[in-house]
Amino acid sequence: MDLLTELLQDAGLVRRVFDQHRLGGDRALRFPCDRSVGFHVVLDGVVYVHAPALDEPLRLEAGDIAVMGRGCVHVLSTSPSPDALPIESIPVDPALRSNFADAADGGRDGPVKVVSGAYQLWNAPLHPFFAELPPWFVLRGERAPGLDPLGLTIAMLADETRHNALGRQTVVHGLLDVLFTLLMRELVARRGETGTGWSHAVQDPQVRQAVAHMHEDPARAWTLETLASEVGLSRSVLAERFRETMDETPLAYLRVVRLQRAMRLLVESDRTLEQVASAVGYQDAFGFSKAFKRAVGASPGEYRRRDAAERNVPWRFQANQGLARAVGATNVDA
């Protein structure tokens, strides 16, 4: 598995599919996405995104993509001032989807078409990649030429939404998976151009290789020497490159990888504490529990019980198949 997919899977990314909606100038839509990353792609017309972190609404034109890197409840409308419009919330309970779709669509139409994806991270991830994501990021249409992978994906998505062809839902969901991955890749590339951090560090081939080794086998008894040997560098050179690019040591990063994997195992399996500790490279459950509580703020047992208690919360997306167990989609015809 590649590094980005492994990272998203360990963080527990889960898909949620919303139904298609039509949105005219007579209403706005509220998206309850406070524990998610996601995006809105404008295929036709002009739409505005209203969110607490924005000083002013984001104005999006055809071909533009707004990426939400920090989950929040936000509103989508065709007006820069939606206060005078009735605001309808996208339902998060799957049992409400069909009724909402029938009531919301109701034959309405409009000049704007938007396709949106929602990807939930229920338990706040430890990995530094997620801390690097901006609250909102806009990729303008002119930055995604027609023959660029992003441009081609958007064009295919636009074509699929125009027709009710056989297999349309499967194709749209697959394209949203692709689009989400391309957007994450674009954010890593842009963030990697300056400063320090994970996105910057993985631009260095040998540092990236060392990072990949730790993700592939976190249970291995890695040392600075064995990591350096795997990537063809001396211990001192690898340590220096990590400090310069990621601003931390290889073994500090290894702890994050191990604990992030442990979070996944605790909620996705019934392994004992000792088995989880062993699977992520800890010699005993005591040492693992101490490190876990220091990083997460709860013991492994408390973390597992809390997650189980929240499993049926209505606004929690249910795990399913797709990119890193997950990709969500919302089609909004406005």
C-alpha atoms as a PDB file:
ATOM      1  CA  MET A   1       0.000   0.000   0.000  1.00  0.00           C
ATOM      2  CA  ASP A   2       1.297   3.474  -0.826  1.00  0.00           C
ATOM      3  CA  LEU A   3       2.216   5.964   1.868  1.00  0.00           C
ATOM      4  CA  LEU A   4      -0.715   8.377   1.532  1.00  0.00           C
ATOM      5  CA  THR A   5      -3.328   5.611   1.472  1.00  0.00           C
ATOM      6  CA  GLU A   6      -1.704   3.956   4.493  1.00  0.00           C
ATOM      7  CA  LEU A   7      -1.738   7.258   6.348  1.00  0.00           C
ATOM      8  CA  LEU A   8      -5.436   7.879   5.611  1.00  0.00           C
ATOM      9  CA  GLN A   9      -6.383   4.330   6.538  1.00  0.00           C
ATOM     10  CA  ASP A  10      -4.582   4.479   9.879  1.00  0.00           C
ATOM     11  CA  ALA A  11      -6.387   7.740  10.649  1.00  0.00           C
ATOM     12  CA  GLY A  12      -9.731   5.961  10.211  1.00  0.00           C
ATOM     13  CA  LEU A  13     -11.025   7.876   7.208  1.00  0.00           C
ATOM     14  CA  VAL A  14     -14.608   6.809   6.514  1.00  0.00           C
ATOM     15  CA  ARG A  15     -16.840   7.478   3.519  1.00  0.00           C
ATOM     16  CA  ARG A  16     -20.310   8.943   3.654  1.00  0.00           C
ATOM     17  CA  VAL A  17     -22.567   9.216   0.622  1.00  0.00           C
ATOM     18  CA  PHE A  18     -25.150  11.996   0.478  1.00  0.00           C
ATOM     19  CA  ASP A  19     -27.944  12.003  -2.084  1.00  0.00           C
ATOM     20  CA  GLN A  20     -28.235  14.442  -4.950  1.00  0.00           C
ATOM     21  CA  HIS A  21     -29.982  17.734  -4.175  1.00  0.00           C
ATOM     22  CA  ARG A  22     -31.186  20.687  -6.171  1.00  0.00           C
ATOM     23  CA  LEU A  23     -30.562  24.128  -4.779  1.00  0.00           C
ATOM     24  CA  GLY A  24     -32.058  27.252  -6.297  1.00  0.00           C
ATOM     25  CA  GLY A  25     -31.833  30.852  -5.190  1.00  0.00           C
ATOM     26  CA  ASP A  26     -34.546  30.274  -2.605  1.00  0.00           C
ATOM     27  CA  ARG A  27     -32.529  28.340   0.005  1.00  0.00           C
ATOM     28  CA  ALA A  28     -29.098  27.401   1.288  1.00  0.00           C
ATOM     29  CA  LEU A  29     -27.685  24.047   2.439  1.00  0.00           C
ATOM     30  CA  ARG A  30     -25.926  23.423   5.742  1.00  0.00           C
ATOM     31  CA  PHE A  31     -23.245  20.686   5.782  1.00  0.00           C
ATOM     32  CA  PRO A  32     -22.622  19.165   9.274  1.00  0.00           C
ATOM     33  CA  CYS A  33     -18.980  18.269   8.693  1.00  0.00           C
ATOM     34  CA  ASP A  34     -17.278  19.130  11.973  1.00  0.00           C
ATOM     35  CA  ARG A  35     -15.157  15.953  12.014  1.00  0.00           C
ATOM     36  CA  SER A  36     -14.423  15.721   8.335  1.00  0.00           C
ATOM     37  CA  VAL A  37     -12.252  16.815   5.479  1.00  0.00           C
ATOM     38  CA  GLY A  38     -13.981  17.430   2.204  1.00  0.00           C
ATOM     39  CA  PHE A  39     -14.428  19.513  -0.909  1.00  0.00           C
ATOM     40  CA  HIS A  40     -16.934  21.278  -3.153  1.00  0.00           C
ATOM     41  CA  VAL A  41     -16.420  21.274  -6.924  1.00  0.00           C
ATOM     42  CA  VAL A  42     -18.359  23.833  -8.964  1.00  0.00           C
ATOM     43  CA  LEU A  43     -19.317  22.440 -12.351  1.00  0.00           C
ATOM     44  CA  ASP A  44     -21.567  25.311 -13.501  1.00  0.00           C
ATOM     45  CA  GLY A  45     -22.438  28.762 -12.181  1.00  0.00           C
ATOM     46  CA  VAL A  46     -21.320  30.588  -9.025  1.00  0.00           C
ATOM     47  CA  VAL A  47     -21.657  29.382  -5.447  1.00  0.00           C
ATOM     48  CA  TYR A  48     -20.590  30.772  -2.049  1.00  0.00           C
ATOM     49  CA  VAL A  49     -19.141  28.879   0.916  1.00  0.00           C
ATOM     50  CA  HIS A  50     -19.862  30.340   4.374  1.00  0.00           C
ATOM     51  CA  ALA A  51     -17.817  29.011   7.317  1.00  0.00           C
ATOM     52  CA  PRO A  52     -16.684  30.262  10.762  1.00  0.00           C
ATOM     53  CA  ALA A  53     -12.992  30.271   9.787  1.00  0.00           C
ATOM     54  CA  LEU A  54     -13.611  32.482   6.748  1.00  0.00           C
ATOM     55  CA  ASP A  55     -13.417  36.266   7.053  1.00  0.00           C
ATOM     56  CA  GLU A  56     -15.705  36.480   4.038  1.00  0.00           C
ATOM     57  CA  PRO A  57     -17.541  33.895   1.926  1.00  0.00           C
ATOM     58  CA  LEU A  58     -15.558  31.940  -0.630  1.00  0.00           C
ATOM     59  CA  ARG A  59     -16.791  32.736  -4.121  1.00  0.00           C
ATOM     60  CA  LEU A  60     -16.426  29.753  -6.412  1.00  0.00           C
ATOM     61  CA  GLU A  61     -16.919  29.719 -10.156  1.00  0.00           C
ATOM     62  CA  ALA A  62     -17.134  26.844 -12.619  1.00  0.00           C
ATOM     63  CA  GLY A  63     -14.038  24.677 -12.351  1.00  0.00           C
ATOM     64  CA  ASP A  64     -13.079  25.916  -8.872  1.00  0.00           C
ATOM     65  CA  ILE A  65     -12.627  23.528  -5.936  1.00  0.00           C
ATOM     66  CA  ALA A  66     -12.874  24.500  -2.266  1.00  0.00           C
ATOM     67  CA  VAL A  67     -11.090  22.029   0.018  1.00  0.00           C
ATOM     68  CA  MET A  68     -12.073  21.905   3.705  1.00  0.00           C
ATOM     69  CA  GLY A  69      -9.015  20.718   5.615  1.00  0.00           C
ATOM     70  CA  ARG A  70     -10.434  21.331   9.100  1.00  0.00           C
ATOM     71  CA  GLY A  71     -13.925  20.006   9.702  1.00  0.00           C
ATOM     72  CA  CYS A  72     -16.639  22.518  10.430  1.00  0.00           C
ATOM     73  CA  VAL A  73     -20.349  23.095   9.953  1.00  0.00           C
ATOM     74  CA  HIS A  74     -20.669  25.304   6.891  1.00  0.00           C
ATOM     75  CA  VAL A  75     -23.260  26.597   4.454  1.00  0.00           C
ATOM     76  CA  LEU A  76     -23.421  26.528   0.672  1.00  0.00           C
ATOM     77  CA  SER A  77     -25.566  29.047  -1.184  1.00  0.00           C
ATOM     78  CA  THR A  78     -25.940  30.973  -4.408  1.00  0.00           C
ATOM     79  CA  SER A  79     -25.856  34.252  -2.477  1.00  0.00           C
ATOM     80  CA  PRO A  80     -22.973  35.993  -0.689  1.00  0.00           C
ATOM     81  CA  SER A  81     -25.477  36.746   2.108  1.00  0.00           C
ATOM     82  CA  PRO A  82     -27.553  33.632   2.876  1.00  0.00           C
ATOM     83  CA  ASP A  83     -29.079  35.009   6.098  1.00  0.00           C
ATOM     84  CA  ALA A  84     -32.350  35.872   4.366  1.00  0.00           C
ATOM     85  CA  LEU A  85     -32.644  32.382   2.873  1.00  0.00           C
ATOM     86  CA  PRO A  86     -34.114  29.329   4.577  1.00  0.00           C
ATOM     87  CA  ILE A  87     -31.244  26.981   5.440  1.00  0.00           C
ATOM     88  CA  GLU A  88     -31.801  23.247   5.146  1.00  0.00           C
ATOM     89  CA  SER A  89     -29.358  20.818   6.747  1.00  0.00           C
ATOM     90  CA  ILE A  90     -27.999  17.835   4.877  1.00  0.00           C
ATOM     91  CA  PRO A  91     -29.198  14.896   7.024  1.00  0.00           C
ATOM     92  CA  VAL A  92     -26.531  12.681   8.511  1.00  0.00           C
ATOM     93  CA  ASP A  93     -28.824   9.823   9.443  1.00  0.00           C
ATOM     94  CA  PRO A  94     -28.912   7.406   6.450  1.00  0.00           C
ATOM     95  CA  ALA A  95     -32.539   6.603   7.291  1.00  0.00           C
ATOM     96  CA  LEU A  96     -33.461  10.199   6.405  1.00  0.00           C
ATOM     97  CA  ARG A  97     -31.680  10.365   3.060  1.00  0.00           C
ATOM     98  CA  SER A  98     -34.474   9.268   0.745  1.00  0.00           C
ATOM     99  CA  ASN A  99     -37.134  11.417   2.378  1.00  0.00           C
ATOM    100  CA  PHE A 100     -34.848  14.435   2.331  1.00  0.00           C
ATOM    101  CA  ALA A 101     -33.927  13.887  -1.304  1.00  0.00           C
ATOM    102  CA  ASP A 102     -37.581  13.701  -2.353  1.00  0.00           C
ATOM    103  CA  ALA A 103     -38.551  16.775  -0.365  1.00  0.00           C
ATOM    104  CA  ALA A 104     -35.493  18.809  -1.237  1.00  0.00           C
ATOM    105  CA  ASP A 105     -35.388  18.141  -4.950  1.00  0.00           C
ATOM    106  CA  GLY A 106     -39.107  18.586  -5.513  1.00  0.00           C
ATOM    107  CA  GLY A 107     -38.638  19.587  -9.118  1.00  0.00           C
ATOM    108  CA  ARG A 108     -36.549  22.653  -8.290  1.00  0.00           C
ATOM    109  CA  ASP A 109     -33.763  23.623 -10.601  1.00  0.00           C
ATOM    110  CA  GLY A 110     -31.136  26.312 -10.898  1.00  0.00           C
ATOM    111  CA  PRO A 111     -28.122  27.496 -12.859  1.00  0.00           C
ATOM    112  CA  VAL A 112     -25.468  26.163 -10.473  1.00  0.00           C
ATOM    113  CA  LYS A 113     -24.160  22.630 -10.168  1.00  0.00           C
ATOM    114  CA  VAL A 114     -21.869  21.541  -7.357  1.00  0.00           C
ATOM    115  CA  VAL A 115     -20.492  18.112  -6.460  1.00  0.00           C
ATOM    116  CA  SER A 116     -19.159  17.625  -2.939  1.00  0.00           C
ATOM    117  CA  GLY A 117     -17.247  14.954  -1.053  1.00  0.00           C
ATOM    118  CA  ALA A 118     -17.170  14.353   2.719  1.00  0.00           C
ATOM    119  CA  TYR A 119     -14.586  12.171   4.469  1.00  0.00           C
ATOM    120  CA  GLN A 120     -14.952  11.746   8.207  1.00  0.00           C
ATOM    121  CA  LEU A 121     -12.181  11.408  10.789  1.00  0.00           C
ATOM    122  CA  TRP A 122     -14.206  10.629  13.894  1.00  0.00           C
ATOM    123  CA  ASN A 123     -11.256  10.259  16.246  1.00  0.00           C
ATOM    124  CA  ALA A 124      -8.839  13.175  15.975  1.00  0.00           C
ATOM    125  CA  PRO A 125      -5.703  11.794  14.290  1.00  0.00           C
ATOM    126  CA  LEU A 126      -2.234  12.180  15.733  1.00  0.00           C
ATOM    127  CA  HIS A 127      -0.380  12.252  12.431  1.00  0.00           C
ATOM    128  CA  PRO A 128       1.174  15.665  11.643  1.00  0.00           C
ATOM    129  CA  PHE A 129      -0.165  15.610   8.063  1.00  0.00           C
ATOM    130  CA  PHE A 130      -3.648  16.502   9.311  1.00  0.00           C
ATOM    131  CA  ALA A 131      -2.349  19.429  11.356  1.00  0.00           C
ATOM    132  CA  GLU A 132      -0.812  20.802   8.154  1.00  0.00           C
ATOM    133  CA  LEU A 133      -4.133  20.908   6.296  1.00  0.00           C
ATOM    134  CA  PRO A 134      -5.447  24.489   6.014  1.00  0.00           C
ATOM    135  CA  PRO A 135      -8.973  25.276   7.240  1.00  0.00           C
ATOM    136  CA  TRP A 136      -9.935  26.091   3.631  1.00  0.00           C
ATOM    137  CA  PHE A 137      -7.996  25.969   0.406  1.00  0.00           C
ATOM    138  CA  VAL A 138      -9.220  26.976  -3.056  1.00  0.00           C
ATOM    139  CA  LEU A 139      -7.877  25.479  -6.247  1.00  0.00           C
ATOM    140  CA  ARG A 140      -8.984  27.711  -9.104  1.00  0.00           C
ATOM    141  CA  GLY A 141     -10.117  26.183 -12.357  1.00  0.00           C
ATOM    142  CA  GLU A 142      -7.275  27.728 -14.330  1.00  0.00           C
ATOM    143  CA  ARG A 143      -4.823  25.770 -12.147  1.00  0.00           C
ATOM    144  CA  ALA A 144      -6.320  22.468 -13.330  1.00  0.00           C
ATOM    145  CA  PRO A 145      -5.885  22.408 -17.142  1.00  0.00           C
ATOM    146  CA  GLY A 146      -8.139  20.105 -19.135  1.00  0.00           C
ATOM    147  CA  LEU A 147      -5.451  17.474 -19.720  1.00  0.00           C
ATOM    148  CA  ASP A 148      -4.170  17.604 -16.142  1.00  0.00           C
ATOM    149  CA  PRO A 149      -5.355  14.651 -13.982  1.00  0.00           C
ATOM    150  CA  LEU A 150      -7.477  17.008 -11.869  1.00  0.00           C
ATOM    151  CA  GLY A 151      -8.955  18.647 -14.949  1.00  0.00           C
ATOM    152  CA  LEU A 152      -9.736  15.303 -16.574  1.00  0.00           C
ATOM    153  CA  THR A 153     -11.381  14.005 -13.394  1.00  0.00           C
ATOM    154  CA  ILE A 154     -13.546  17.116 -13.067  1.00  0.00           C
ATOM    155  CA  ALA A 155     -14.576  16.858 -16.732  1.00  0.00           C
ATOM    156  CA  MET A 156     -15.554  13.188 -16.296  1.00  0.00           C
ATOM    157  CA  LEU A 157     -17.458  14.033 -13.113  1.00  0.00           C
ATOM    158  CA  ALA A 158     -19.348  16.811 -14.890  1.00  0.00           C
ATOM    159  CA  ASP A 159     -20.263  14.460 -17.711  1.00  0.00           C
ATOM    160  CA  GLU A 160     -21.546  11.762 -15.355  1.00  0.00           C
ATOM    161  CA  THR A 161     -23.766  14.203 -13.467  1.00  0.00           C
ATOM    162  CA  ARG A 162     -25.448  15.300 -16.706  1.00  0.00           C
ATOM    163  CA  HIS A 163     -26.796  11.847 -17.521  1.00  0.00           C
ATOM    164  CA  ASN A 164     -28.622   9.148 -15.601  1.00  0.00           C
ATOM    165  CA  ALA A 165     -26.576   6.403 -17.236  1.00  0.00           C
ATOM    166  CA  LEU A 166     -26.285   2.841 -15.977  1.00  0.00           C
ATOM    167  CA  GLY A 167     -23.758   2.567 -13.149  1.00  0.00           C
ATOM    168  CA  ARG A 168     -23.748   6.326 -12.626  1.00  0.00           C
ATOM    169  CA  GLN A 169     -23.521   6.101  -8.840  1.00  0.00           C
ATOM    170  CA  THR A 170     -20.546   3.734  -8.938  1.00  0.00           C
ATOM    171  CA  VAL A 171     -18.730   5.911 -11.460  1.00  0.00           C
ATOM    172  CA  VAL A 172     -19.378   9.132  -9.523  1.00  0.00           C
ATOM    173  CA  HIS A 173     -18.184   7.602  -6.250  1.00  0.00           C
ATOM    174  CA  GLY A 174     -15.072   6.256  -7.946  1.00  0.00           C
ATOM    175  CA  LEU A 175     -14.315   9.652  -9.468  1.00  0.00           C
ATOM    176  CA  LEU A 176     -14.756  11.306  -6.080  1.00  0.00           C
ATOM    177  CA  ASP A 177     -12.240   8.858  -4.622  1.00  0.00           C
ATOM    178  CA  VAL A 178      -9.804   9.825  -7.359  1.00  0.00           C
ATOM    179  CA  LEU A 179     -10.494  13.539  -6.953  1.00  0.00           C
ATOM    180  CA  PHE A 180     -10.012  13.395  -3.192  1.00  0.00           C
ATOM    181  CA  THR A 181      -6.647  11.658  -3.600  1.00  0.00           C
ATOM    182  CA  LEU A 182      -5.494  14.126  -6.244  1.00  0.00           C
ATOM    183  CA  LEU A 183      -6.466  17.041  -4.004  1.00  0.00           C
ATOM    184  CA  MET A 184      -4.535  15.589  -1.060  1.00  0.00           C
ATOM    185  CA  ARG A 185      -1.555  15.070  -3.372  1.00  0.00           C
ATOM    186  CA  GLU A 186      -1.816  18.687  -4.527  1.00  0.00           C
ATOM    187  CA  LEU A 187      -1.920  19.955  -0.948  1.00  0.00           C
ATOM    188  CA  VAL A 188       1.148  17.888  -0.022  1.00  0.00           C
ATOM    189  CA  ALA A 189       3.010  19.254  -3.048  1.00  0.00           C
ATOM    190  CA  ARG A 190       2.140  22.880  -2.256  1.00  0.00           C
ATOM    191  CA  ARG A 191       2.788  22.569   1.469  1.00  0.00           C
ATOM    192  CA  GLY A 192       6.055  20.814   0.697  1.00  0.00           C
ATOM    193  CA  GLU A 193       7.437  23.779  -1.218  1.00  0.00           C
ATOM    194  CA  THR A 194       8.122  25.806   1.917  1.00  0.00           C
ATOM    195  CA  GLY A 195       8.871  25.429   5.603  1.00  0.00           C
ATOM    196  CA  THR A 196       9.205  22.179   7.494  1.00  0.00           C
ATOM    197  CA  GLY A 197       6.818  19.374   8.330  1.00  0.00           C
ATOM    198  CA  TRP A 198       5.628  16.071   6.959  1.00  0.00           C
ATOM    199  CA  SER A 199       4.693  17.361   3.503  1.00  0.00           C
ATOM    200  CA  HIS A 200       8.075  19.022   3.152  1.00  0.00           C
ATOM    201  CA  ALA A 201       9.966  16.004   4.493  1.00  0.00           C
ATOM    202  CA  VAL A 202       8.514  13.491   2.016  1.00  0.00           C
ATOM    203  CA  GLN A 203       9.869  15.558  -0.877  1.00  0.00           C
ATOM    204  CA  ASP A 204      13.286  14.190   0.110  1.00  0.00           C
ATOM    205  CA  PRO A 205      13.502  10.707  -1.507  1.00  0.00           C
ATOM    206  CA  GLN A 206      15.493   9.074   1.282  1.00  0.00           C
ATOM    207  CA  VAL A 207      13.466  10.622   4.096  1.00  0.00           C
ATOM    208  CA  ARG A 208      10.301   9.544   2.300  1.00  0.00           C
ATOM    209  CA  GLN A 209      11.681   6.013   1.977  1.00  0.00           C
ATOM    210  CA  ALA A 210      12.454   5.925   5.706  1.00  0.00           C
ATOM    211  CA  VAL A 211       8.951   7.189   6.487  1.00  0.00           C
ATOM    212  CA  ALA A 212       7.442   4.503   4.233  1.00  0.00           C
ATOM    213  CA  HIS A 213       9.435   1.771   5.992  1.00  0.00           C
ATOM    214  CA  MET A 214       8.070   2.854   9.370  1.00  0.00           C
ATOM    215  CA  HIS A 215       4.489   2.871   8.081  1.00  0.00           C
ATOM    216  CA  GLU A 216       4.879  -0.523   6.416  1.00  0.00           C
ATOM    217  CA  ASP A 217       6.259  -2.241   9.518  1.00  0.00           C
ATOM    218  CA  PRO A 218       5.800  -0.205  12.711  1.00  0.00           C
ATOM    219  CA  ALA A 219       6.266  -3.313  14.873  1.00  0.00           C
ATOM    220  CA  ARG A 220       9.862  -3.781  13.760  1.00  0.00           C
ATOM    221  CA  ALA A 221      12.487  -2.843  16.336  1.00  0.00           C
ATOM    222  CA  TRP A 222      13.687   0.118  14.302  1.00  0.00           C
ATOM    223  CA  THR A 223      16.781   2.010  15.338  1.00  0.00           C
ATOM    224  CA  LEU A 224      18.344   5.011  13.683  1.00  0.00           C
ATOM    225  CA  GLU A 225      21.065   2.707  12.382  1.00  0.00           C
ATOM    226  CA  THR A 226      18.712   0.147  10.803  1.00  0.00           C
ATOM    227  CA  LEU A 227      16.590   2.893   9.219  1.00  0.00           C
ATOM    228  CA  ALA A 228      19.671   4.606   7.813  1.00  0.00           C
ATOM    229  CA  SER A 229      20.927   1.307   6.431  1.00  0.00           C
ATOM    230  CA  GLU A 230      17.603   0.658   4.671  1.00  0.00           C
ATOM    231  CA  VAL A 231      17.751   3.988   2.826  1.00  0.00           C
ATOM    232  CA  GLY A 232      21.480   4.020   2.126  1.00  0.00           C
ATOM    233  CA  LEU A 233      22.492   6.855   4.439  1.00  0.00           C
ATOM    234  CA  SER A 234      24.634   7.168   7.537  1.00  0.00           C
ATOM    235  CA  ARG A 235      22.956   7.592  10.907  1.00  0.00           C
ATOM    236  CA  SER A 236      24.075  11.197  11.207  1.00  0.00           C
ATOM    237  CA  VAL A 237      22.947  12.186   7.709  1.00  0.00           C
ATOM    238  CA  LEU A 238      19.480  10.640   8.134  1.00  0.00           C
ATOM    239  CA  ALA A 239      19.046  12.294  11.530  1.00  0.00           C
ATOM    240  CA  GLU A 240      20.126  15.648  10.103  1.00  0.00           C
ATOM    241  CA  ARG A 241      17.748  15.398   7.127  1.00  0.00           C
ATOM    242  CA  PHE A 242      14.850  14.531   9.415  1.00  0.00           C
ATOM    243  CA  ARG A 243      15.592  17.533  11.625  1.00  0.00           C
ATOM    244  CA  GLU A 244      15.913  19.854   8.635  1.00  0.00           C
ATOM    245  CA  THR A 245      12.785  18.705   6.816  1.00  0.00           C
ATOM    246  CA  MET A 246      10.381  17.374   9.459  1.00  0.00           C
ATOM    247  CA  ASP A 247      11.726  19.216  12.491  1.00  0.00           C
ATOM    248  CA  GLU A 248      11.813  16.044  14.595  1.00  0.00           C
ATOM    249  CA  THR A 249      13.818  12.838  14.933  1.00  0.00           C
ATOM    250  CA  PRO A 250      13.075   9.586  13.069  1.00  0.00           C
ATOM    251  CA  LEU A 251      12.299   7.752  16.311  1.00  0.00           C
ATOM    252  CA  ALA A 252       9.926  10.501  17.468  1.00  0.00           C
ATOM    253  CA  TYR A 253       8.080  10.121  14.175  1.00  0.00           C
ATOM    254  CA  LEU A 254       8.051   6.332  14.662  1.00  0.00           C
ATOM    255  CA  ARG A 255       6.203   6.812  17.972  1.00  0.00           C
ATOM    256  CA  VAL A 256       3.496   8.781  16.186  1.00  0.00           C
ATOM    257  CA  VAL A 257       3.138   6.101  13.501  1.00  0.00           C
ATOM    258  CA  ARG A 258       2.871   3.368  16.117  1.00  0.00           C
ATOM    259  CA  LEU A 259       0.272   5.161  18.213  1.00  0.00           C
ATOM    260  CA  GLN A 260      -1.782   6.138  15.159  1.00  0.00           C
ATOM    261  CA  ARG A 261      -1.837   2.480  14.087  1.00  0.00           C
ATOM    262  CA  ALA A 262      -2.785   1.491  17.635  1.00  0.00           C
ATOM    263  CA  MET A 263      -5.782   3.848  17.531  1.00  0.00           C
ATOM    264  CA  ARG A 264      -6.975   2.052  14.427  1.00  0.00           C
ATOM    265  CA  LEU A 265      -6.483  -1.423  15.899  1.00  0.00           C
ATOM    266  CA  LEU A 266      -8.303  -0.519  19.098  1.00  0.00           C
ATOM    267  CA  VAL A 267     -11.465   0.499  17.246  1.00  0.00           C
ATOM    268  CA  GLU A 268     -11.366  -1.954  14.333  1.00  0.00           C
ATOM    269  CA  SER A 269     -10.457  -5.160  16.139  1.00  0.00           C
ATOM    270  CA  ASP A 270     -11.049  -7.022  19.386  1.00  0.00           C
ATOM    271  CA  ARG A 271      -7.349  -7.649  20.028  1.00  0.00           C
ATOM    272  CA  THR A 272      -6.251  -7.567  23.622  1.00  0.00           C
ATOM    273  CA  LEU A 273      -4.169  -4.680  24.917  1.00  0.00           C
ATOM    274  CA  GLU A 274      -1.098  -6.910  24.878  1.00  0.00           C
ATOM    275  CA  GLN A 275      -1.753  -7.906  21.247  1.00  0.00           C
ATOM    276  CA  VAL A 276      -2.199  -4.302  20.151  1.00  0.00           C
ATOM    277  CA  ALA A 277       0.988  -3.286  21.960  1.00  0.00           C
ATOM    278  CA  SER A 278       2.942  -6.061  20.257  1.00  0.00           C
ATOM    279  CA  ALA A 279       1.466  -5.251  16.825  1.00  0.00           C
ATOM    280  CA  VAL A 280       2.778  -1.689  17.001  1.00  0.00           C
ATOM    281  CA  GLY A 281       6.230  -2.450  18.370  1.00  0.00           C
ATOM    282  CA  TYR A 282       5.905  -2.131  22.160  1.00  0.00           C
ATOM    283  CA  GLN A 283       7.480  -4.737  24.398  1.00  0.00           C
ATOM    284  CA  ASP A 284       4.722  -4.689  27.001  1.00  0.00           C
ATOM    285  CA  ALA A 285       1.235  -3.333  27.563  1.00  0.00           C
ATOM    286  CA  PHE A 286       2.337  -1.061  30.425  1.00  0.00           C
ATOM    287  CA  GLY A 287       4.808   0.909  28.328  1.00  0.00           C
ATOM    288  CA  PHE A 288       2.316   1.091  25.471  1.00  0.00           C
ATOM    289  CA  SER A 289      -0.507   2.310  27.724  1.00  0.00           C
ATOM    290  CA  LYS A 290       1.695   5.001  29.219  1.00  0.00           C
ATOM    291  CA  ALA A 291       2.776   6.292  25.806  1.00  0.00           C
ATOM    292  CA  PHE A 292      -0.779   6.104  24.437  1.00  0.00           C
ATOM    293  CA  LYS A 293      -2.320   8.069  27.302  1.00  0.00           C
ATOM    294  CA  ARG A 294       0.377  10.725  27.093  1.00  0.00           C
ATOM    295  CA  ALA A 295      -0.303  11.244  23.367  1.00  0.00           C
ATOM    296  CA  VAL A 296      -4.078  10.714  23.171  1.00  0.00           C
ATOM    297  CA  GLY A 297      -5.214  11.898  26.595  1.00  0.00           C
ATOM    298  CA  ALA A 298      -6.963   8.630  27.461  1.00  0.00           C
ATOM    299  CA  SER A 299      -5.803   5.116  28.236  1.00  0.00           C
ATOM    300  CA  PRO A 300      -6.231   2.513  25.463  1.00  0.00           C
ATOM    301  CA  GLY A 301      -9.143   0.951  27.354  1.00  0.00           C
ATOM    302  CA  GLU A 302     -10.874   4.295  27.851  1.00  0.00           C
ATOM    303  CA  TYR A 303     -10.314   5.183  24.209  1.00  0.00           C
ATOM    304  CA  ARG A 304     -11.829   1.889  23.023  1.00  0.00           C
ATOM    305  CA  ARG A 305     -14.856   2.204  25.329  1.00  0.00           C
ATOM    306  CA  ARG A 306     -15.491   5.790  24.256  1.00  0.00           C
ATOM    307  CA  ASP A 307     -15.350   4.844  20.599  1.00  0.00           C
ATOM    308  CA  ALA A 308     -17.734   1.916  21.147  1.00  0.00           C
ATOM    309  CA  ALA A 309     -20.177   4.188  22.987  1.00  0.00           C
ATOM    310  CA  GLU A 310     -20.122   6.642  20.070  1.00  0.00           C
ATOM    311  CA  ARG A 311     -20.481   3.985  17.377  1.00  0.00           C
ATOM    312  CA  ASN A 312     -24.192   4.650  16.830  1.00  0.00           C
ATOM    313  CA  VAL A 313     -24.148   8.428  17.124  1.00  0.00           C
ATOM    314  CA  PRO A 314     -26.417   9.601  14.256  1.00  0.00           C
ATOM    315  CA  TRP A 315     -23.866  11.930  12.667  1.00  0.00           C
ATOM    316  CA  ARG A 316     -21.088   9.334  12.668  1.00  0.00           C
ATOM    317  CA  PHE A 317     -20.388   7.925   9.226  1.00  0.00           C
ATOM    318  CA  GLN A 318     -20.440   4.157   8.968  1.00  0.00           C
ATOM    319  CA  ALA A 319     -17.358   2.323   7.698  1.00  0.00           C
ATOM    320  CA  ASN A 320     -17.554   0.935   4.195  1.00  0.00           C
ATOM    321  CA  GLN A 321     -15.407   0.101   1.218  1.00  0.00           C
ATOM    322  CA  GLY A 322     -13.425   2.572  -0.853  1.00  0.00           C
ATOM    323  CA  LEU A 323     -10.311   4.675  -0.544  1.00  0.00           C
ATOM    324  CA  ALA A 324      -8.849   3.994   2.902  1.00  0.00           C
ATOM    325  CA  ARG A 325     -12.232   2.454   3.886  1.00  0.00           C
ATOM    326  CA  ALA A 326     -13.829   5.664   2.891  1.00  0.00           C
ATOM    327  CA  VAL A 327     -14.937   8.304   0.578  1.00  0.00           C
ATOM    328  CA  GLY A 328     -18.123  10.343   0.798  1.00  0.00           C
ATOM    329  CA  ALA A 329     -19.992  12.169  -1.894  1.00  0.00           C
ATOM    330  CA  THR A 330     -22.650  14.806  -2.120  1.00  0.00           C
ATOM    331  CA  ASN A 331     -24.140  16.012  -5.362  1.00  0.00           C
ATOM    332  CA  VAL A 332     -25.774  19.401  -5.137  1.00  0.00           C
ATOM    333  CA  ASP A 333     -27.530  20.724  -8.226  1.00  0.00           C
ATOM    334  CA  ALA A 334     -28.219  24.370  -7.569  1.00  0.00           C
END
